[in-house]
Amino acid sequence: MELPVIKIGNSKGFRLSKTLIEKYNIKDKVELILEKDYIVIKPVSTPRKGWEQAFKEMNERGDDQLLFDDVFENENFEEWK
């Protein structure tokens, strides 16, 4: 696929079609991987973005309690030996 290089302010760049952006799940950032004779454009994925803040808020509300105990009363550890 060939793309024209266009002037963007004092720089140059190129545009990716909406189809490519959606197909490769490109959001806000991409990573450029520089190889010997080519450049790889890789989408940056942040699937856990915002989790730290969400966990902090859960803790402040007391919503971070276990739903059930770690160890059940009738659990037999002997069978694991």
PDB file of N, CA and C in Angstrom:
ATOM      1  N   MET A   1       0.845  -1.169   0.000  1.00  0.00           N
ATOM      2  CA  MET A   1       0.000   0.000   0.000  1.00  0.00           C
ATOM      3  C   MET A   1       0.891   1.232   0.000  1.00  0.00           C
ATOM      4  N   GLU A   2       0.635   2.131  -0.879  1.00  0.00           N
ATOM      5  CA  GLU A   2       1.375   3.389  -0.927  1.00  0.00           C
ATOM      6  C   GLU A   2       0.521   4.510  -0.358  1.00  0.00           C
ATOM      7  N   LEU A   3       1.172   5.381   0.425  1.00  0.00           N
ATOM      8  CA  LEU A   3       0.507   6.543   0.997  1.00  0.00           C
ATOM      9  C   LEU A   3       1.308   7.786   0.648  1.00  0.00           C
ATOM     10  N   PRO A   4       0.643   8.885   0.337  1.00  0.00           N
ATOM     11  CA  PRO A   4       1.392  10.122   0.092  1.00  0.00           C
ATOM     12  C   PRO A   4       1.904  10.713   1.406  1.00  0.00           C
ATOM     13  N   VAL A   5       3.102  11.270   1.371  1.00  0.00           N
ATOM     14  CA  VAL A   5       3.654  11.986   2.516  1.00  0.00           C
ATOM     15  C   VAL A   5       3.200  13.432   2.371  1.00  0.00           C
ATOM     16  N   ILE A   6       2.569  13.947   3.420  1.00  0.00           N
ATOM     17  CA  ILE A   6       1.993  15.294   3.356  1.00  0.00           C
ATOM     18  C   ILE A   6       2.654  16.201   4.382  1.00  0.00           C
ATOM     19  N   LYS A   7       2.567  17.498   4.140  1.00  0.00           N
ATOM     20  CA  LYS A   7       3.110  18.484   5.065  1.00  0.00           C
ATOM     21  C   LYS A   7       2.112  18.702   6.198  1.00  0.00           C
ATOM     22  N   ILE A   8       2.612  18.622   7.433  1.00  0.00           N
ATOM     23  CA  ILE A   8       1.794  18.876   8.623  1.00  0.00           C
ATOM     24  C   ILE A   8       2.579  19.868   9.472  1.00  0.00           C
ATOM     25  N   GLY A   9       2.246  21.147   9.361  1.00  0.00           N
ATOM     26  CA  GLY A   9       3.012  22.185  10.053  1.00  0.00           C
ATOM     27  C   GLY A   9       4.432  22.201   9.529  1.00  0.00           C
ATOM     28  N   ASN A  10       5.407  22.124  10.438  1.00  0.00           N
ATOM     29  CA  ASN A  10       6.813  22.085  10.041  1.00  0.00           C
ATOM     30  C   ASN A  10       7.292  20.650   9.806  1.00  0.00           C
ATOM     31  N   SER A  11       6.411  19.687   9.948  1.00  0.00           N
ATOM     32  CA  SER A  11       6.772  18.274   9.812  1.00  0.00           C
ATOM     33  C   SER A  11       6.112  17.682   8.580  1.00  0.00           C
ATOM     34  N   LYS A  12       6.335  16.412   8.400  1.00  0.00           N
ATOM     35  CA  LYS A  12       5.655  15.666   7.350  1.00  0.00           C
ATOM     36  C   LYS A  12       5.079  14.412   7.969  1.00  0.00           C
ATOM     37  N   GLY A  13       4.017  13.900   7.374  1.00  0.00           N
ATOM     38  CA  GLY A  13       3.384  12.712   7.895  1.00  0.00           C
ATOM     39  C   GLY A  13       2.538  12.049   6.830  1.00  0.00           C
ATOM     40  N   PHE A  14       1.749  11.083   7.246  1.00  0.00           N
ATOM     41  CA  PHE A  14       0.828  10.418   6.339  1.00  0.00           C
ATOM     42  C   PHE A  14      -0.429  10.053   7.107  1.00  0.00           C
ATOM     43  N   ARG A  15      -1.507   9.868   6.363  1.00  0.00           N
ATOM     44  CA  ARG A  15      -2.798   9.544   6.969  1.00  0.00           C
ATOM     45  C   ARG A  15      -3.123   8.079   6.742  1.00  0.00           C
ATOM     46  N   LEU A  16      -3.694   7.464   7.764  1.00  0.00           N
ATOM     47  CA  LEU A  16      -4.178   6.096   7.638  1.00  0.00           C
ATOM     48  C   LEU A  16      -5.689   6.137   7.463  1.00  0.00           C
ATOM     49  N   SER A  17      -6.196   5.261   6.631  1.00  0.00           N
ATOM     50  CA  SER A  17      -7.640   5.239   6.394  1.00  0.00           C
ATOM     51  C   SER A  17      -8.379   4.754   7.642  1.00  0.00           C
ATOM     52  N   LYS A  18      -9.642   5.120   7.724  1.00  0.00           N
ATOM     53  CA  LYS A  18     -10.482   4.698   8.832  1.00  0.00           C
ATOM     54  C   LYS A  18     -10.553   3.174   8.896  1.00  0.00           C
ATOM     55  N   THR A  19     -10.567   2.538   7.752  1.00  0.00           N
ATOM     56  CA  THR A  19     -10.618   1.072   7.692  1.00  0.00           C
ATOM     57  C   THR A  19      -9.407   0.454   8.374  1.00  0.00           C
ATOM     58  N   LEU A  20      -8.201   0.959   8.089  1.00  0.00           N
ATOM     59  CA  LEU A  20      -6.990   0.441   8.719  1.00  0.00           C
ATOM     60  C   LEU A  20      -6.982   0.719  10.219  1.00  0.00           C
ATOM     61  N   ILE A  21      -7.406   1.899  10.599  1.00  0.00           N
ATOM     62  CA  ILE A  21      -7.431   2.275  12.012  1.00  0.00           C
ATOM     63  C   ILE A  21      -8.363   1.346  12.792  1.00  0.00           C
ATOM     64  N   GLU A  22      -9.515   1.051  12.237  1.00  0.00           N
ATOM     65  CA  GLU A  22     -10.459   0.162  12.912  1.00  0.00           C
ATOM     66  C   GLU A  22      -9.972  -1.287  12.893  1.00  0.00           C
ATOM     67  N   LYS A  23      -9.442  -1.734  11.751  1.00  0.00           N
ATOM     68  CA  LYS A  23      -8.995  -3.125  11.630  1.00  0.00           C
ATOM     69  C   LYS A  23      -7.896  -3.456  12.622  1.00  0.00           C
ATOM     70  N   TYR A  24      -6.956  -2.523  12.829  1.00  0.00           N
ATOM     71  CA  TYR A  24      -5.823  -2.772  13.714  1.00  0.00           C
ATOM     72  C   TYR A  24      -6.007  -2.154  15.097  1.00  0.00           C
ATOM     73  N   ASN A  25      -7.221  -1.697  15.396  1.00  0.00           N
ATOM     74  CA  ASN A  25      -7.584  -1.187  16.715  1.00  0.00           C
ATOM     75  C   ASN A  25      -6.623  -0.098  17.199  1.00  0.00           C
ATOM     76  N   ILE A  26      -6.356   0.854  16.328  1.00  0.00           N
ATOM     77  CA  ILE A  26      -5.480   1.979  16.669  1.00  0.00           C
ATOM     78  C   ILE A  26      -6.316   3.025  17.392  1.00  0.00           C
ATOM     79  N   LYS A  27      -5.878   3.397  18.592  1.00  0.00           N
ATOM     80  CA  LYS A  27      -6.616   4.388  19.392  1.00  0.00           C
ATOM     81  C   LYS A  27      -5.862   5.713  19.403  1.00  0.00           C
ATOM     82  N   ASP A  28      -5.228   6.043  20.522  1.00  0.00           N
ATOM     83  CA  ASP A  28      -4.578   7.339  20.687  1.00  0.00           C
ATOM     84  C   ASP A  28      -3.096   7.343  20.353  1.00  0.00           C
ATOM     85  N   LYS A  29      -2.443   6.175  20.447  1.00  0.00           N
ATOM     86  CA  LYS A  29      -1.000   6.125  20.249  1.00  0.00           C
ATOM     87  C   LYS A  29      -0.604   4.920  19.420  1.00  0.00           C
ATOM     88  N   VAL A  30       0.527   5.052  18.726  1.00  0.00           N
ATOM     89  CA  VAL A  30       1.153   3.924  18.040  1.00  0.00           C
ATOM     90  C   VAL A  30       2.616   3.876  18.440  1.00  0.00           C
ATOM     91  N   GLU A  31       3.199   2.706  18.333  1.00  0.00           N
ATOM     92  CA  GLU A  31       4.628   2.538  18.590  1.00  0.00           C
ATOM     93  C   GLU A  31       5.312   2.342  17.247  1.00  0.00           C
ATOM     94  N   LEU A  32       6.405   3.076  17.031  1.00  0.00           N
ATOM     95  CA  LEU A  32       7.200   2.899  15.820  1.00  0.00           C
ATOM     96  C   LEU A  32       8.384   2.014  16.157  1.00  0.00           C
ATOM     97  N   ILE A  33       8.504   0.913  15.436  1.00  0.00           N
ATOM     98  CA  ILE A  33       9.626   0.004  15.624  1.00  0.00           C
ATOM     99  C   ILE A  33      10.521   0.152  14.407  1.00  0.00           C
ATOM    100  N   LEU A  34      11.734   0.637  14.642  1.00  0.00           N
ATOM    101  CA  LEU A  34      12.656   0.912  13.545  1.00  0.00           C
ATOM    102  C   LEU A  34      13.521  -0.308  13.291  1.00  0.00           C
ATOM    103  N   GLU A  35      13.396  -0.870  12.111  1.00  0.00           N
ATOM    104  CA  GLU A  35      14.184  -2.018  11.689  1.00  0.00           C
ATOM    105  C   GLU A  35      15.203  -1.556  10.660  1.00  0.00           C
ATOM    106  N   LYS A  36      15.983  -2.482  10.145  1.00  0.00           N
ATOM    107  CA  LYS A  36      17.058  -2.141   9.216  1.00  0.00           C
ATOM    108  C   LYS A  36      16.549  -1.361   8.002  1.00  0.00           C
ATOM    109  N   ASP A  37      15.576  -1.922   7.298  1.00  0.00           N
ATOM    110  CA  ASP A  37      15.111  -1.284   6.066  1.00  0.00           C
ATOM    111  C   ASP A  37      13.638  -0.893   6.087  1.00  0.00           C
ATOM    112  N   TYR A  38      13.021  -0.934   7.267  1.00  0.00           N
ATOM    113  CA  TYR A  38      11.604  -0.608   7.302  1.00  0.00           C
ATOM    114  C   TYR A  38      11.185  -0.124   8.692  1.00  0.00           C
ATOM    115  N   ILE A  39       9.982   0.408   8.748  1.00  0.00           N
ATOM    116  CA  ILE A  39       9.384   0.895   9.998  1.00  0.00           C
ATOM    117  C   ILE A  39       8.100   0.101  10.231  1.00  0.00           C
ATOM    118  N   VAL A  40       7.927  -0.413  11.428  1.00  0.00           N
ATOM    119  CA  VAL A  40       6.708  -1.128  11.805  1.00  0.00           C
ATOM    120  C   VAL A  40       5.881  -0.191  12.672  1.00  0.00           C
ATOM    121  N   ILE A  41       4.620  -0.045  12.340  1.00  0.00           N
ATOM    122  CA  ILE A  41       3.695   0.758  13.136  1.00  0.00           C
ATOM    123  C   ILE A  41       2.817  -0.203  13.915  1.00  0.00           C
ATOM    124  N   LYS A  42       2.883  -0.106  15.243  1.00  0.00           N
ATOM    125  CA  LYS A  42       2.152  -1.037  16.104  1.00  0.00           C
ATOM    126  C   LYS A  42       1.245  -0.246  17.046  1.00  0.00           C
ATOM    127  N   PRO A  43      -0.040  -0.615  17.137  1.00  0.00           N
ATOM    128  CA  PRO A  43      -0.921   0.097  18.063  1.00  0.00           C
ATOM    129  C   PRO A  43      -0.477  -0.116  19.503  1.00  0.00           C
ATOM    130  N   VAL A  44      -0.588   0.931  20.313  1.00  0.00           N
ATOM    131  CA  VAL A  44      -0.283   0.830  21.739  1.00  0.00           C
ATOM    132  C   VAL A  44      -1.580   0.469  22.444  1.00  0.00           C
ATOM    133  N   SER A  45      -1.555  -0.625  23.160  1.00  0.00           N
ATOM    134  CA  SER A  45      -2.741  -1.093  23.864  1.00  0.00           C
ATOM    135  C   SER A  45      -2.576  -0.844  25.354  1.00  0.00           C
ATOM    136  N   THR A  46      -3.582  -0.266  25.967  1.00  0.00           N
ATOM    137  CA  THR A  46      -3.571  -0.040  27.419  1.00  0.00           C
ATOM    138  C   THR A  46      -4.871  -0.606  28.000  1.00  0.00           C
ATOM    139  N   PRO A  47      -4.989  -1.939  28.020  1.00  0.00           N
ATOM    140  CA  PRO A  47      -6.244  -2.536  28.466  1.00  0.00           C
ATOM    141  C   PRO A  47      -6.566  -2.287  29.936  1.00  0.00           C
ATOM    142  N   ARG A  48      -5.569  -1.994  30.758  1.00  0.00           N
ATOM    143  CA  ARG A  48      -5.826  -1.792  32.185  1.00  0.00           C
ATOM    144  C   ARG A  48      -5.749  -0.312  32.571  1.00  0.00           C
ATOM    145  N   LYS A  49      -5.861   0.549  31.587  1.00  0.00           N
ATOM    146  CA  LYS A  49      -5.802   1.983  31.844  1.00  0.00           C
ATOM    147  C   LYS A  49      -6.945   2.370  32.787  1.00  0.00           C
ATOM    148  N   GLY A  50      -6.616   3.092  33.839  1.00  0.00           N
ATOM    149  CA  GLY A  50      -7.616   3.558  34.785  1.00  0.00           C
ATOM    150  C   GLY A  50      -7.905   2.598  35.928  1.00  0.00           C
ATOM    151  N   TRP A  51      -7.318   1.398  35.885  1.00  0.00           N
ATOM    152  CA  TRP A  51      -7.583   0.424  36.940  1.00  0.00           C
ATOM    153  C   TRP A  51      -7.072   0.898  38.288  1.00  0.00           C
ATOM    154  N   GLU A  52      -5.905   1.533  38.319  1.00  0.00           N
ATOM    155  CA  GLU A  52      -5.332   1.974  39.597  1.00  0.00           C
ATOM    156  C   GLU A  52      -6.287   2.923  40.309  1.00  0.00           C
ATOM    157  N   GLN A  53      -6.810   3.883  39.575  1.00  0.00           N
ATOM    158  CA  GLN A  53      -7.744   4.839  40.163  1.00  0.00           C
ATOM    159  C   GLN A  53      -9.035   4.151  40.583  1.00  0.00           C
ATOM    160  N   ALA A  54      -9.519   3.226  39.762  1.00  0.00           N
ATOM    161  CA  ALA A  54     -10.752   2.505  40.088  1.00  0.00           C
ATOM    162  C   ALA A  54     -10.579   1.677  41.357  1.00  0.00           C
ATOM    163  N   PHE A  55      -9.424   1.004  41.508  1.00  0.00           N
ATOM    164  CA  PHE A  55      -9.184   0.215  42.713  1.00  0.00           C
ATOM    165  C   PHE A  55      -9.067   1.114  43.947  1.00  0.00           C
ATOM    166  N   LYS A  56      -8.466   2.271  43.776  1.00  0.00           N
ATOM    167  CA  LYS A  56      -8.345   3.206  44.897  1.00  0.00           C
ATOM    168  C   LYS A  56      -9.733   3.653  45.359  1.00  0.00           C
ATOM    169  N   GLU A  57     -10.599   3.972  44.396  1.00  0.00           N
ATOM    170  CA  GLU A  57     -11.959   4.399  44.729  1.00  0.00           C
ATOM    171  C   GLU A  57     -12.749   3.259  45.375  1.00  0.00           C
ATOM    172  N   MET A  58     -12.556   2.032  44.880  1.00  0.00           N
ATOM    173  CA  MET A  58     -13.227   0.876  45.489  1.00  0.00           C
ATOM    174  C   MET A  58     -12.805   0.727  46.942  1.00  0.00           C
ATOM    175  N   ASN A  59     -11.507   0.887  47.210  1.00  0.00           N
ATOM    176  CA  ASN A  59     -10.999   0.768  48.573  1.00  0.00           C
ATOM    177  C   ASN A  59     -11.593   1.835  49.475  1.00  0.00           C
ATOM    178  N   GLU A  60     -11.692   3.059  48.981  1.00  0.00           N
ATOM    179  CA  GLU A  60     -12.241   4.155  49.779  1.00  0.00           C
ATOM    180  C   GLU A  60     -13.708   3.908  50.129  1.00  0.00           C
ATOM    181  N   ARG A  61     -14.444   3.239  49.225  1.00  0.00           N
ATOM    182  CA  ARG A  61     -15.859   2.934  49.468  1.00  0.00           C
ATOM    183  C   ARG A  61     -16.048   1.626  50.229  1.00  0.00           C
ATOM    184  N   GLY A  62     -14.959   0.876  50.410  1.00  0.00           N
ATOM    185  CA  GLY A  62     -15.060  -0.417  51.083  1.00  0.00           C
ATOM    186  C   GLY A  62     -15.597  -1.512  50.176  1.00  0.00           C
ATOM    187  N   ASP A  63     -15.521  -1.302  48.864  1.00  0.00           N
ATOM    188  CA  ASP A  63     -16.033  -2.284  47.895  1.00  0.00           C
ATOM    189  C   ASP A  63     -14.989  -3.307  47.473  1.00  0.00           C
ATOM    190  N   ASP A  64     -13.842  -3.340  48.133  1.00  0.00           N
ATOM    191  CA  ASP A  64     -12.773  -4.241  47.706  1.00  0.00           C
ATOM    192  C   ASP A  64     -12.639  -5.456  48.622  1.00  0.00           C
ATOM    193  N   GLN A  65     -13.734  -5.858  49.233  1.00  0.00           N
ATOM    194  CA  GLN A  65     -13.720  -7.021  50.122  1.00  0.00           C
ATOM    195  C   GLN A  65     -13.887  -8.296  49.299  1.00  0.00           C
ATOM    196  N   LEU A  66     -13.343  -9.417  49.804  1.00  0.00           N
ATOM    197  CA  LEU A  66     -13.513 -10.701  49.142  1.00  0.00           C
ATOM    198  C   LEU A  66     -14.979 -11.103  49.152  1.00  0.00           C
ATOM    199  N   LEU A  67     -15.426 -11.714  48.076  1.00  0.00           N
ATOM    200  CA  LEU A  67     -16.810 -12.168  48.001  1.00  0.00           C
ATOM    201  C   LEU A  67     -16.999 -13.478  48.751  1.00  0.00           C
ATOM    202  N   PHE A  68     -15.912 -14.257  48.866  1.00  0.00           N
ATOM    203  CA  PHE A  68     -15.937 -15.482  49.656  1.00  0.00           C
ATOM    204  C   PHE A  68     -14.542 -15.697  50.225  1.00  0.00           C
ATOM    205  N   ASP A  69     -14.456 -16.499  51.272  1.00  0.00           N
ATOM    206  CA  ASP A  69     -13.183 -16.709  51.955  1.00  0.00           C
ATOM    207  C   ASP A  69     -12.169 -17.389  51.046  1.00  0.00           C
ATOM    208  N   ASP A  70     -10.885 -17.109  51.312  1.00  0.00           N
ATOM    209  CA  ASP A  70      -9.802 -17.751  50.568  1.00  0.00           C
ATOM    210  C   ASP A  70      -9.794 -19.252  50.777  1.00  0.00           C
ATOM    211  N   VAL A  71     -10.071 -19.687  51.998  1.00  0.00           N
ATOM    212  CA  VAL A  71     -10.025 -21.107  52.351  1.00  0.00           C
ATOM    213  C   VAL A  71     -11.395 -21.507  52.880  1.00  0.00           C
ATOM    214  N   PHE A  72     -11.914 -22.585  52.351  1.00  0.00           N
ATOM    215  CA  PHE A  72     -13.199 -23.076  52.816  1.00  0.00           C
ATOM    216  C   PHE A  72     -12.988 -23.912  54.077  1.00  0.00           C
ATOM    217  N   GLU A  73     -13.966 -23.913  54.945  1.00  0.00           N
ATOM    218  CA  GLU A  73     -13.858 -24.642  56.209  1.00  0.00           C
ATOM    219  C   GLU A  73     -13.629 -26.134  56.002  1.00  0.00           C
ATOM    220  N   ASN A  74     -14.241 -26.710  54.992  1.00  0.00           N
ATOM    221  CA  ASN A  74     -14.139 -28.154  54.779  1.00  0.00           C
ATOM    222  C   ASN A  74     -13.045 -28.528  53.771  1.00  0.00           C
ATOM    223  N   GLU A  75     -12.148 -27.613  53.470  1.00  0.00           N
ATOM    224  CA  GLU A  75     -11.099 -27.896  52.496  1.00  0.00           C
ATOM    225  C   GLU A  75     -10.072 -28.863  53.081  1.00  0.00           C
ATOM    226  N   ASN A  76      -9.698 -29.875  52.329  1.00  0.00           N
ATOM    227  CA  ASN A  76      -8.771 -30.901  52.766  1.00  0.00           C
ATOM    228  C   ASN A  76      -7.423 -30.688  52.075  1.00  0.00           C
ATOM    229  N   PHE A  77      -6.436 -30.199  52.859  1.00  0.00           N
ATOM    230  CA  PHE A  77      -5.109 -29.942  52.285  1.00  0.00           C
ATOM    231  C   PHE A  77      -4.271 -31.205  52.176  1.00  0.00           C
ATOM    232  N   GLU A  78      -4.683 -32.276  52.852  1.00  0.00           N
ATOM    233  CA  GLU A  78      -3.925 -33.532  52.821  1.00  0.00           C
ATOM    234  C   GLU A  78      -3.879 -34.129  51.416  1.00  0.00           C
ATOM    235  N   GLU A  79      -4.936 -33.953  50.653  1.00  0.00           N
ATOM    236  CA  GLU A  79      -4.976 -34.540  49.312  1.00  0.00           C
ATOM    237  C   GLU A  79      -3.980 -33.885  48.349  1.00  0.00           C
ATOM    238  N   TRP A  80      -3.404 -32.760  48.714  1.00  0.00           N
ATOM    239  CA  TRP A  80      -2.442 -32.058  47.875  1.00  0.00           C
ATOM    240  C   TRP A  80      -1.001 -32.453  48.175  1.00  0.00           C
ATOM    241  N   LYS A  81      -0.805 -33.317  49.155  1.00  0.00           N
ATOM    242  CA  LYS A  81       0.558 -33.698  49.525  1.00  0.00           C
ATOM    243  C   LYS A  81       1.049 -34.846  48.684  1.00  0.00           C
TER     244      LYS A  81
END
